[in-house]
PDB file of N, CA and C in Angstrom:
ATOM      1  N   LEU A   1     240.055 125.104  40.721  1.00  0.00           N
ATOM      2  CA  LEU A   1     239.377 126.239  41.272  1.00  0.00           C
ATOM      3  C   LEU A   1     237.867 126.029  41.395  1.00  0.00           C
ATOM      4  N   GLN A   2     237.337 125.343  40.461  1.00  0.00           N
ATOM      5  CA  GLN A   2     235.908 125.094  40.525  1.00  0.00           C
ATOM      6  C   GLN A   2     235.559 124.161  41.684  1.00  0.00           C
ATOM      7  N   ASN A   3     236.420 123.211  42.004  1.00  0.00           N
ATOM      8  CA  ASN A   3     236.189 122.302  43.127  1.00  0.00           C
ATOM      9  C   ASN A   3     236.196 123.066  44.448  1.00  0.00           C
ATOM     10  N   VAL A   4     237.016 124.039  44.548  1.00  0.00           N
ATOM     11  CA  VAL A   4     237.101 124.835  45.763  1.00  0.00           C
ATOM     12  C   VAL A   4     235.810 125.624  45.959  1.00  0.00           C
ATOM     13  N   LYS A   5     235.270 126.153  44.884  1.00  0.00           N
ATOM     14  CA  LYS A   5     234.028 126.916  44.999  1.00  0.00           C
ATOM     15  C   LYS A   5     232.860 126.029  45.401  1.00  0.00           C
ATOM     16  N   ARG A   6     232.833 124.818  44.946  1.00  0.00           N
ATOM     17  CA  ARG A   6     231.739 123.920  45.282  1.00  0.00           C
ATOM     18  C   ARG A   6     231.777 123.544  46.760  1.00  0.00           C
ATOM     19  N   MET A   7     232.919 123.388  47.347  1.00  0.00           N
ATOM     20  CA  MET A   7     233.050 122.931  48.718  1.00  0.00           C
ATOM     21  C   MET A   7     232.827 124.041  49.739  1.00  0.00           C
ATOM     22  N   THR A   8     232.979 125.213  49.381  1.00  0.00           N
ATOM     23  CA  THR A   8     232.769 126.299  50.330  1.00  0.00           C
ATOM     24  C   THR A   8     231.302 126.692  50.346  1.00  0.00           C
ATOM     25  N   ARG A   9     230.883 127.072  51.475  1.00  0.00           N
ATOM     26  CA  ARG A   9     229.484 127.487  51.628  1.00  0.00           C
ATOM     27  C   ARG A   9     229.333 128.907  51.113  1.00  0.00           C
ATOM     28  N   PRO A  10     228.120 129.177  50.659  1.00  0.00           N
ATOM     29  CA  PRO A  10     227.911 130.553  50.238  1.00  0.00           C
ATOM     30  C   PRO A  10     227.886 131.449  51.465  1.00  0.00           C
ATOM     31  N   LYS A  11     228.357 132.626  51.318  1.00  0.00           N
ATOM     32  CA  LYS A  11     228.389 133.572  52.441  1.00  0.00           C
ATOM     33  C   LYS A  11     226.973 134.038  52.745  1.00  0.00           C
ATOM     34  N   PRO A  12     226.591 133.999  54.055  1.00  0.00           N
ATOM     35  CA  PRO A  12     225.270 134.516  54.395  1.00  0.00           C
ATOM     36  C   PRO A  12     225.232 136.014  54.175  1.00  0.00           C
ATOM     37  N   ARG A  13     224.037 136.479  53.963  1.00  0.00           N
ATOM     38  CA  ARG A  13     223.912 137.913  53.747  1.00  0.00           C
ATOM     39  C   ARG A  13     224.183 138.628  55.051  1.00  0.00           C
ATOM     40  N   PRO A  14     224.605 139.831  54.996  1.00  0.00           N
ATOM     41  CA  PRO A  14     224.904 140.570  56.226  1.00  0.00           C
ATOM     42  C   PRO A  14     223.628 140.784  57.049  1.00  0.00           C
ATOM     43  N   GLY A  15     223.704 140.515  58.343  1.00  0.00           N
ATOM     44  CA  GLY A  15     222.563 140.716  59.253  1.00  0.00           C
ATOM     45  C   GLY A  15     221.629 139.518  59.340  1.00  0.00           C
ATOM     46  N   ALA A  16     221.910 138.424  58.634  1.00  0.00           N
ATOM     47  CA  ALA A  16     221.047 137.241  58.668  1.00  0.00           C
ATOM     48  C   ALA A  16     221.038 136.623  60.062  1.00  0.00           C
ATOM     49  N   ASN A  17     222.185 136.631  60.717  1.00  0.00           N
ATOM     50  CA  ASN A  17     222.243 136.061  62.067  1.00  0.00           C
ATOM     51  C   ASN A  17     221.399 136.890  63.039  1.00  0.00           C
ATOM     52  N   VAL A  18     221.333 138.188  62.835  1.00  0.00           N
ATOM     53  CA  VAL A  18     220.511 139.050  63.692  1.00  0.00           C
ATOM     54  C   VAL A  18     219.036 138.758  63.442  1.00  0.00           C
ATOM     55  N   ASP A  19     218.660 138.590  62.185  1.00  0.00           N
ATOM     56  CA  ASP A  19     217.264 138.254  61.860  1.00  0.00           C
ATOM     57  C   ASP A  19     216.873 136.912  62.479  1.00  0.00           C
ATOM     58  N   LYS A  20     217.767 135.938  62.347  1.00  0.00           N
ATOM     59  CA  LYS A  20     217.513 134.613  62.927  1.00  0.00           C
ATOM     60  C   LYS A  20     217.362 134.722  64.446  1.00  0.00           C
ATOM     61  N   TYR A  21     218.224 135.492  65.088  1.00  0.00           N
ATOM     62  CA  TYR A  21     218.154 135.699  66.537  1.00  0.00           C
ATOM     63  C   TYR A  21     216.833 136.372  66.917  1.00  0.00           C
ATOM     64  N   MET A  22     216.412 137.366  66.155  1.00  0.00           N
ATOM     65  CA  MET A  22     215.164 138.086  66.461  1.00  0.00           C
ATOM     66  C   MET A  22     213.952 137.176  66.294  1.00  0.00           C
ATOM     67  N   LEU A  23     213.934 136.330  65.254  1.00  0.00           N
ATOM     68  CA  LEU A  23     212.841 135.380  65.057  1.00  0.00           C
ATOM     69  C   LEU A  23     212.765 134.389  66.217  1.00  0.00           C
ATOM     70  N   ARG A  24     213.926 133.896  66.600  1.00  0.00           N
ATOM     71  CA  ARG A  24     213.969 132.938  67.726  1.00  0.00           C
ATOM     72  C   ARG A  24     213.531 133.607  69.029  1.00  0.00           C
ATOM     73  N   THR A  25     213.944 134.842  69.248  1.00  0.00           N
ATOM     74  CA  THR A  25     213.547 135.575  70.452  1.00  0.00           C
ATOM     75  C   THR A  25     212.032 135.790  70.471  1.00  0.00           C
ATOM     76  N   GLU A  26     211.453 136.129  69.329  1.00  0.00           N
ATOM     77  CA  GLU A  26     209.995 136.339  69.244  1.00  0.00           C
ATOM     78  C   GLU A  26     209.254 135.026  69.488  1.00  0.00           C
ATOM     79  N   GLU A  27     209.770 133.944  68.932  1.00  0.00           N
ATOM     80  CA  GLU A  27     209.161 132.625  69.144  1.00  0.00           C
ATOM     81  C   GLU A  27     209.192 132.254  70.630  1.00  0.00           C
ATOM     82  N   LEU A  28     210.311 132.488  71.279  1.00  0.00           N
ATOM     83  CA  LEU A  28     210.441 132.192  72.705  1.00  0.00           C
ATOM     84  C   LEU A  28     209.514 133.078  73.541  1.00  0.00           C
ATOM     85  N   ARG A  29     209.368 134.352  73.144  1.00  0.00           N
ATOM     86  CA  ARG A  29     208.473 135.259  73.874  1.00  0.00           C
ATOM     87  C   ARG A  29     207.023 134.768  73.767  1.00  0.00           C
ATOM     88  N   LYS A  30     206.599 134.364  72.545  1.00  0.00           N
ATOM     89  CA  LYS A  30     205.233 133.861  72.354  1.00  0.00           C
ATOM     90  C   LYS A  30     205.004 132.586  73.160  1.00  0.00           C
ATOM     91  N   ASN A  31     205.982 131.684  73.137  1.00  0.00           N
ATOM     92  CA  ASN A  31     205.862 130.436  73.902  1.00  0.00           C
ATOM     93  C   ASN A  31     205.801 130.720  75.403  1.00  0.00           C
ATOM     94  N   SER A  32     206.595 131.650  75.859  1.00  0.00           N
ATOM     95  CA  SER A  32     206.591 132.019  77.277  1.00  0.00           C
ATOM     96  C   SER A  32     205.243 132.617  77.667  1.00  0.00           C
ATOM     97  N   GLU A  33     204.686 133.439  76.806  1.00  0.00           N
ATOM     98  CA  GLU A  33     203.371 134.032  77.061  1.00  0.00           C
ATOM     99  C   GLU A  33     202.293 132.950  77.105  1.00  0.00           C
ATOM    100  N   HIS A  34     202.379 131.985  76.197  1.00  0.00           N
ATOM    101  CA  HIS A  34     201.417 130.883  76.168  1.00  0.00           C
ATOM    102  C   HIS A  34     201.501 130.053  77.459  1.00  0.00           C
ATOM    103  N   VAL A  35     202.714 129.751  77.877  1.00  0.00           N
ATOM    104  CA  VAL A  35     202.903 128.992  79.127  1.00  0.00           C
ATOM    105  C   VAL A  35     202.350 129.784  80.309  1.00  0.00           C
ATOM    106  N   SER A  36     202.577 131.065  80.324  1.00  0.00           N
ATOM    107  CA  SER A  36     202.065 131.909  81.400  1.00  0.00           C
ATOM    108  C   SER A  36     200.539 131.868  81.447  1.00  0.00           C
ATOM    109  N   ASN A  37     199.897 131.922  80.271  1.00  0.00           N
ATOM    110  CA  ASN A  37     198.435 131.833  80.217  1.00  0.00           C
ATOM    111  C   ASN A  37     197.941 130.476  80.709  1.00  0.00           C
ATOM    112  N   LEU A  38     198.653 129.412  80.343  1.00  0.00           N
ATOM    113  CA  LEU A  38     198.268 128.077  80.807  1.00  0.00           C
ATOM    114  C   LEU A  38     198.384 127.956  82.320  1.00  0.00           C
ATOM    115  N   VAL A  39     199.427 128.531  82.878  1.00  0.00           N
ATOM    116  CA  VAL A  39     199.612 128.497  84.334  1.00  0.00           C
ATOM    117  C   VAL A  39     198.473 129.262  85.017  1.00  0.00           C
ATOM    118  N   LYS A  40     198.098 130.411  84.475  1.00  0.00           N
ATOM    119  CA  LYS A  40     196.986 131.181  85.051  1.00  0.00           C
ATOM    120  C   LYS A  40     195.693 130.382  84.995  1.00  0.00           C
ATOM    121  N   GLN A  41     195.432 129.736  83.854  1.00  0.00           N
ATOM    122  CA  GLN A  41     194.229 128.919  83.726  1.00  0.00           C
ATOM    123  C   GLN A  41     194.242 127.763  84.712  1.00  0.00           C
ATOM    124  N   ASP A  42     195.395 127.154  84.910  1.00  0.00           N
ATOM    125  CA  ASP A  42     195.514 126.051  85.853  1.00  0.00           C
ATOM    126  C   ASP A  42     195.217 126.519  87.276  1.00  0.00           C
ATOM    127  N   ILE A  43     195.752 127.679  87.625  1.00  0.00           N
ATOM    128  CA  ILE A  43     195.506 128.234  88.963  1.00  0.00           C
ATOM    129  C   ILE A  43     194.022 128.508  89.156  1.00  0.00           C
ATOM    130  N   ILE A  44     193.396 129.111  88.162  1.00  0.00           N
ATOM    131  CA  ILE A  44     191.965 129.423  88.249  1.00  0.00           C
ATOM    132  C   ILE A  44     191.142 128.140  88.329  1.00  0.00           C
ATOM    133  N   THR A  45     191.517 127.140  87.549  1.00  0.00           N
ATOM    134  CA  THR A  45     190.790 125.868  87.569  1.00  0.00           C
ATOM    135  C   THR A  45     190.884 125.202  88.935  1.00  0.00           C
ATOM    136  N   HIS A  46     192.083 125.136  89.485  1.00  0.00           N
ATOM    137  CA  HIS A  46     192.234 124.531  90.814  1.00  0.00           C
ATOM    138  C   HIS A  46     191.462 125.315  91.865  1.00  0.00           C
ATOM    139  N   TRP A  47     191.471 126.628  91.755  1.00  0.00           N
ATOM    140  CA  TRP A  47     190.744 127.454  92.716  1.00  0.00           C
ATOM    141  C   TRP A  47     189.250 127.179  92.626  1.00  0.00           C
ATOM    142  N   SER A  48     188.713 127.150  91.397  1.00  0.00           N
ATOM    143  CA  SER A  48     187.273 126.941  91.257  1.00  0.00           C
ATOM    144  C   SER A  48     186.869 125.526  91.673  1.00  0.00           C
ATOM    145  N   GLU A  49     187.712 124.538  91.372  1.00  0.00           N
ATOM    146  CA  GLU A  49     187.398 123.172  91.792  1.00  0.00           C
ATOM    147  C   GLU A  49     187.455 123.029  93.301  1.00  0.00           C
ATOM    148  N   SER A  50     188.405 123.660  93.928  1.00  0.00           N
ATOM    149  CA  SER A  50     188.498 123.554  95.393  1.00  0.00           C
ATOM    150  C   SER A  50     187.327 124.283  96.036  1.00  0.00           C
ATOM    151  N   GLY A  51     186.878 125.360  95.428  1.00  0.00           N
ATOM    152  CA  GLY A  51     185.707 126.059  95.963  1.00  0.00           C
ATOM    153  C   GLY A  51     184.479 125.180  95.906  1.00  0.00           C
ATOM    154  N   GLY A  52     184.294 124.473  94.804  1.00  0.00           N
ATOM    155  CA  GLY A  52     183.173 123.544  94.680  1.00  0.00           C
ATOM    156  C   GLY A  52     183.281 122.409  95.671  1.00  0.00           C
ATOM    157  N   LYS A  53     184.502 121.946  95.880  1.00  0.00           N
ATOM    158  CA  LYS A  53     184.728 120.867  96.836  1.00  0.00           C
ATOM    159  C   LYS A  53     184.404 121.335  98.249  1.00  0.00           C
ATOM    160  N   GLN A  54     184.817 122.570  98.576  1.00  0.00           N
ATOM    161  CA  GLN A  54     184.532 123.103  99.912  1.00  0.00           C
ATOM    162  C   GLN A  54     183.036 123.261 100.116  1.00  0.00           C
ATOM    163  N   ILE A  55     182.338 123.735  99.098  1.00  0.00           N
ATOM    164  CA  ILE A  55     180.885 123.888  99.205  1.00  0.00           C
ATOM    165  C   ILE A  55     180.238 122.530  99.419  1.00  0.00           C
ATOM    166  N   LEU A  56     180.691 121.529  98.662  1.00  0.00           N
ATOM    167  CA  LEU A  56     180.148 120.183  98.810  1.00  0.00           C
ATOM    168  C   LEU A  56     180.438 119.628 100.200  1.00  0.00           C
ATOM    169  N   GLU A  57     181.667 119.819 100.693  1.00  0.00           N
ATOM    170  CA  GLU A  57     182.020 119.328 102.024  1.00  0.00           C
ATOM    171  C   GLU A  57     181.178 119.999 103.093  1.00  0.00           C
ATOM    172  N   LYS A  58     180.953 121.312 102.958  1.00  0.00           N
ATOM    173  CA  LYS A  58     180.124 122.019 103.934  1.00  0.00           C
ATOM    174  C   LYS A  58     178.687 121.513 103.892  1.00  0.00           C
ATOM    175  N   LYS A  59     178.168 121.271 102.674  1.00  0.00           N
ATOM    176  CA  LYS A  59     176.801 120.765 102.542  1.00  0.00           C
ATOM    177  C   LYS A  59     176.684 119.383 103.165  1.00  0.00           C
ATOM    178  N   LEU A  60     177.669 118.523 102.888  1.00  0.00           N
ATOM    179  CA  LEU A  60     177.638 117.180 103.464  1.00  0.00           C
ATOM    180  C   LEU A  60     177.713 117.225 104.989  1.00  0.00           C
ATOM    181  N   ALA A  61     178.549 118.108 105.526  1.00  0.00           N
ATOM    182  CA  ALA A  61     178.660 118.245 106.978  1.00  0.00           C
ATOM    183  C   ALA A  61     177.346 118.747 107.560  1.00  0.00           C
ATOM    184  N   ARG A  62     176.726 119.720 106.881  1.00  0.00           N
ATOM    185  CA  ARG A  62     175.449 120.265 107.343  1.00  0.00           C
ATOM    186  C   ARG A  62     174.364 119.183 107.301  1.00  0.00           C
ATOM    187  N   ASP A  63     174.342 118.391 106.214  1.00  0.00           N
ATOM    188  CA  ASP A  63     173.370 117.308 106.099  1.00  0.00           C
ATOM    189  C   ASP A  63     173.590 116.244 107.165  1.00  0.00           C
ATOM    190  N   ALA A  64     174.855 115.928 107.438  1.00  0.00           N
ATOM    191  CA  ALA A  64     175.160 114.926 108.464  1.00  0.00           C
ATOM    192  C   ALA A  64     174.715 115.419 109.840  1.00  0.00           C
ATOM    193  N   LYS A  65     174.934 116.710 110.105  1.00  0.00           N
ATOM    194  CA  LYS A  65     174.511 117.280 111.380  1.00  0.00           C
ATOM    195  C   LYS A  65     172.991 117.239 111.502  1.00  0.00           C
ATOM    196  N   ALA A  66     172.295 117.586 110.407  1.00  0.00           N
ATOM    197  CA  ALA A  66     170.825 117.562 110.424  1.00  0.00           C
ATOM    198  C   ALA A  66     170.320 116.134 110.610  1.00  0.00           C
ATOM    199  N   ALA A  67     170.977 115.166 109.955  1.00  0.00           N
ATOM    200  CA  ALA A  67     170.572 113.765 110.093  1.00  0.00           C
ATOM    201  C   ALA A  67     170.788 113.284 111.524  1.00  0.00           C
ATOM    202  N   ALA A  68     171.898 113.664 112.135  1.00  0.00           N
ATOM    203  CA  ALA A  68     172.164 113.273 113.524  1.00  0.00           C
ATOM    204  C   ALA A  68     171.131 113.886 114.458  1.00  0.00           C
ATOM    205  N   GLU A  69     170.780 115.150 114.216  1.00  0.00           N
ATOM    206  CA  GLU A  69     169.771 115.824 115.043  1.00  0.00           C
ATOM    207  C   GLU A  69     168.413 115.146 114.886  1.00  0.00           C
ATOM    208  N   GLU A  70     168.060 114.806 113.641  1.00  0.00           N
ATOM    209  CA  GLU A  70     166.780 114.134 113.400  1.00  0.00           C
ATOM    210  C   GLU A  70     166.768 112.761 114.065  1.00  0.00           C
ATOM    211  N   LEU A  71     167.885 112.056 113.992  1.00  0.00           N
ATOM    212  CA  LEU A  71     167.982 110.742 114.627  1.00  0.00           C
ATOM    213  C   LEU A  71     167.832 110.858 116.146  1.00  0.00           C
ATOM    214  N   ARG A  72     168.426 111.905 116.718  1.00  0.00           N
ATOM    215  CA  ARG A  72     168.286 112.118 118.159  1.00  0.00           C
ATOM    216  C   ARG A  72     166.822 112.370 118.538  1.00  0.00           C
ATOM    217  N   HIS A  73     166.128 113.180 117.730  1.00  0.00           N
ATOM    218  CA  HIS A  73     164.712 113.450 117.997  1.00  0.00           C
ATOM    219  C   HIS A  73     163.869 112.180 117.825  1.00  0.00           C
ATOM    220  N   LEU A  74     164.192 111.380 116.799  1.00  0.00           N
ATOM    221  CA  LEU A  74     163.462 110.138 116.592  1.00  0.00           C
ATOM    222  C   LEU A  74     163.682 109.171 117.746  1.00  0.00           C
ATOM    223  N   ASN A  75     164.904 109.107 118.272  1.00  0.00           N
ATOM    224  CA  ASN A  75     165.171 108.244 119.420  1.00  0.00           C
ATOM    225  C   ASN A  75     164.360 108.687 120.634  1.00  0.00           C
ATOM    226  N   THR A  76     164.297 110.004 120.851  1.00  0.00           N
ATOM    227  CA  THR A  76     163.520 110.532 121.970  1.00  0.00           C
ATOM    228  C   THR A  76     162.046 110.175 121.799  1.00  0.00           C
ATOM    229  N   GLU A  77     161.524 110.362 120.590  1.00  0.00           N
ATOM    230  CA  GLU A  77     160.112 110.041 120.328  1.00  0.00           C
ATOM    231  C   GLU A  77     159.858 108.548 120.489  1.00  0.00           C
ATOM    232  N   LEU A  78     160.794 107.720 120.015  1.00  0.00           N
ATOM    233  CA  LEU A  78     160.654 106.278 120.142  1.00  0.00           C
ATOM    234  C   LEU A  78     160.609 105.859 121.617  1.00  0.00           C
ATOM    235  N   LYS A  79     161.493 106.433 122.427  1.00  0.00           N
ATOM    236  CA  LYS A  79     161.496 106.114 123.856  1.00  0.00           C
ATOM    237  C   LYS A  79     160.173 106.507 124.507  1.00  0.00           C
ATOM    238  N   THR A  80     159.664 107.680 124.140  1.00  0.00           N
ATOM    239  CA  THR A  80     158.391 108.146 124.705  1.00  0.00           C
ATOM    240  C   THR A  80     157.267 107.194 124.324  1.00  0.00           C
ATOM    241  N   ARG A  81     157.220 106.804 123.062  1.00  0.00           N
ATOM    242  CA  ARG A  81     156.160 105.876 122.613  1.00  0.00           C
ATOM    243  C   ARG A  81     156.302 104.517 123.282  1.00  0.00           C
ATOM    244  N   ARG A  82     157.535 104.023 123.412  1.00  0.00           N
ATOM    245  CA  ARG A  82     157.736 102.729 124.076  1.00  0.00           C
ATOM    246  C   ARG A  82     157.267 102.780 125.528  1.00  0.00           C
ATOM    247  N   ARG A  83     157.606 103.881 126.206  1.00  0.00           N
ATOM    248  CA  ARG A  83     157.155 104.014 127.600  1.00  0.00           C
ATOM    249  C   ARG A  83     155.635 104.004 127.688  1.00  0.00           C
ATOM    250  N   ALA A  84     154.983 104.734 126.778  1.00  0.00           N
ATOM    251  CA  ALA A  84     153.520 104.790 126.778  1.00  0.00           C
ATOM    252  C   ALA A  84     152.938 103.405 126.495  1.00  0.00           C
ATOM    253  N   LYS A  85     153.498 102.692 125.528  1.00  0.00           N
ATOM    254  CA  LYS A  85     153.008 101.344 125.204  1.00  0.00           C
ATOM    255  C   LYS A  85     153.223 100.384 126.372  1.00  0.00           C
ATOM    256  N   LEU A  86     154.418 100.486 126.999  1.00  0.00           N
ATOM    257  CA  LEU A  86     154.669  99.619 128.165  1.00  0.00           C
ATOM    258  C   LEU A  86     153.709  99.929 129.307  1.00  0.00           C
ATOM    259  N   LYS A  87     153.437 101.213 129.528  1.00  0.00           N
ATOM    260  CA  LYS A  87     152.496 101.598 130.581  1.00  0.00           C
ATOM    261  C   LYS A  87     151.116 101.026 130.280  1.00  0.00           C
ATOM    262  N   ASP A  88     150.666 101.154 129.011  1.00  0.00           N
ATOM    263  CA  ASP A  88     149.373 100.583 128.621  1.00  0.00           C
ATOM    264  C   ASP A  88     149.378  99.069 128.796  1.00  0.00           C
ATOM    265  N   PHE A  89     150.482  98.408 128.407  1.00  0.00           N
ATOM    266  CA  PHE A  89     150.585  96.964 128.527  1.00  0.00           C
ATOM    267  C   PHE A  89     150.498  96.535 129.993  1.00  0.00           C
ATOM    268  N   TYR A  90     151.238  97.221 130.864  1.00  0.00           N
ATOM    269  CA  TYR A  90     151.204  96.864 132.291  1.00  0.00           C
ATOM    270  C   TYR A  90     149.837  97.121 132.898  1.00  0.00           C
ATOM    271  N   LEU A  91     149.190  98.200 132.506  1.00  0.00           N
ATOM    272  CA  LEU A  91     147.829  98.457 133.005  1.00  0.00           C
ATOM    273  C   LEU A  91     146.869  97.378 132.530  1.00  0.00           C
ATOM    274  N   GLU A  92     147.012  96.962 131.284  1.00  0.00           N
ATOM    275  CA  GLU A  92     146.167  95.884 130.747  1.00  0.00           C
ATOM    276  C   GLU A  92     146.428  94.574 131.480  1.00  0.00           C
ATOM    277  N   GLN A  93     147.728  94.274 131.703  1.00  0.00           N
ATOM    278  CA  GLN A  93     148.070  93.043 132.436  1.00  0.00           C
ATOM    279  C   GLN A  93     147.534  93.099 133.869  1.00  0.00           C
ATOM    280  N   ASP A  94     147.631  94.272 134.503  1.00  0.00           N
ATOM    281  CA  ASP A  94     147.075  94.419 135.856  1.00  0.00           C
ATOM    282  C   ASP A  94     145.569  94.200 135.847  1.00  0.00           C
ATOM    283  N   ALA A  95     144.873  94.705 134.835  1.00  0.00           N
ATOM    284  CA  ALA A  95     143.415  94.535 134.745  1.00  0.00           C
ATOM    285  C   ALA A  95     143.073  93.057 134.560  1.00  0.00           C
ATOM    286  N   ILE A  96     143.830  92.372 133.704  1.00  0.00           N
ATOM    287  CA  ILE A  96     143.577  90.940 133.501  1.00  0.00           C
ATOM    288  C   ILE A  96     143.842  90.170 134.797  1.00  0.00           C
ATOM    289  N   TYR A  97     144.942  90.473 135.456  1.00  0.00           N
ATOM    290  CA  TYR A  97     145.300  89.791 136.696  1.00  0.00           C
ATOM    291  C   TYR A  97     144.255  90.078 137.780  1.00  0.00           C
ATOM    292  N   GLU A  98     143.794  91.321 137.851  1.00  0.00           N
ATOM    293  CA  GLU A  98     142.772  91.677 138.847  1.00  0.00           C
ATOM    294  C   GLU A  98     141.471  90.936 138.572  1.00  0.00           C
ATOM    295  N   LYS A  99     141.111  90.800 137.286  1.00  0.00           N
ATOM    296  CA  LYS A  99     139.891  90.079 136.922  1.00  0.00           C
ATOM    297  C   LYS A  99     140.010  88.617 137.336  1.00  0.00           C
ATOM    298  N   GLU A 100     141.182  88.007 137.063  1.00  0.00           N
ATOM    299  CA  GLU A 100     141.392  86.606 137.447  1.00  0.00           C
ATOM    300  C   GLU A 100     141.313  86.443 138.968  1.00  0.00           C
ATOM    301  N   LEU A 101     141.900  87.411 139.698  1.00  0.00           N
ATOM    302  CA  LEU A 101     141.829  87.337 141.163  1.00  0.00           C
ATOM    303  C   LEU A 101     140.401  87.481 141.652  1.00  0.00           C
ATOM    304  N   ASN A 102     139.627  88.390 141.040  1.00  0.00           N
ATOM    305  CA  ASN A 102     138.224  88.587 141.427  1.00  0.00           C
ATOM    306  C   ASN A 102     137.425  87.317 141.188  1.00  0.00           C
ATOM    307  N   GLU A 103     137.708  86.588 140.073  1.00  0.00           N
ATOM    308  CA  GLU A 103     136.996  85.344 139.782  1.00  0.00           C
ATOM    309  C   GLU A 103     137.311  84.276 140.828  1.00  0.00           C
ATOM    310  N   MET A 104     138.526  84.381 141.420  1.00  0.00           N
ATOM    311  CA  MET A 104     138.913  83.429 142.452  1.00  0.00           C
ATOM    312  C   MET A 104     138.497  83.918 143.840  1.00  0.00           C
ATOM    313  N   GLY A 105     137.895  85.102 143.909  1.00  0.00           N
ATOM    314  CA  GLY A 105     137.454  85.643 145.184  1.00  0.00           C
ATOM    315  C   GLY A 105     138.531  86.428 145.902  1.00  0.00           C
ATOM    316  N   LEU A 106     139.552  86.756 145.236  1.00  0.00           N
ATOM    317  CA  LEU A 106     140.638  87.535 145.820  1.00  0.00           C
ATOM    318  C   LEU A 106     140.670  88.935 145.196  1.00  0.00           C
ATOM    319  N   ALA A 107     141.509  89.814 145.784  1.00  0.00           N
ATOM    320  CA  ALA A 107     141.579  91.166 145.242  1.00  0.00           C
ATOM    321  C   ALA A 107     142.937  91.767 145.554  1.00  0.00           C
ATOM    322  N   PHE A 108     143.280  92.803 144.758  1.00  0.00           N
ATOM    323  CA  PHE A 108     144.471  93.592 145.024  1.00  0.00           C
ATOM    324  C   PHE A 108     144.225  94.503 146.208  1.00  0.00           C
ATOM    325  N   VAL A 109     145.247  94.802 146.918  1.00  0.00           N
ATOM    326  CA  VAL A 109     145.147  95.839 147.933  1.00  0.00           C
ATOM    327  C   VAL A 109     145.491  97.150 147.222  1.00  0.00           C
ATOM    328  N   LYS A 110     144.553  98.072 147.190  1.00  0.00           N
ATOM    329  CA  LYS A 110     144.755  99.316 146.489  1.00  0.00           C
ATOM    330  C   LYS A 110     144.733 100.453 147.490  1.00  0.00           C
ATOM    331  N   ALA A 111     145.632 101.364 147.283  1.00  0.00           N
ATOM    332  CA  ALA A 111     145.644 102.551 148.150  1.00  0.00           C
ATOM    333  C   ALA A 111     144.665 103.553 147.550  1.00  0.00           C
ATOM    334  N   ARG A 112     143.768 104.059 148.368  1.00  0.00           N
ATOM    335  CA  ARG A 112     142.804 105.048 147.887  1.00  0.00           C
ATOM    336  C   ARG A 112     143.313 106.424 148.251  1.00  0.00           C
ATOM    337  N   VAL A 113     143.418 107.216 147.279  1.00  0.00           N
ATOM    338  CA  VAL A 113     143.979 108.550 147.498  1.00  0.00           C
ATOM    339  C   VAL A 113     142.900 109.598 147.380  1.00  0.00           C
TER     340      VAL A 113
END
């Protein structure tokens, strides 16, 4: 008889399974709430990071547009200066050529306006 008592498990107290179920349910509820908070934080983080990325992309696009506009203005100014320098160079070359012709007794035919 004593061997039989040793091999059998003690009887759980009445309602222990309900207590165990309630503890497990509360644990699952807390874990579910924690996961929900993590998901919300993840959504907020992605939203804020994408907002920063969009701001950066807009700034870069604006800077690129401004740089292209400045480059266009610089090209226009460069062309104007080159034309002026070429005009001065040709006038100088004409003056030198006219002087050489005058020394040889020759001259340009100039239209007088």
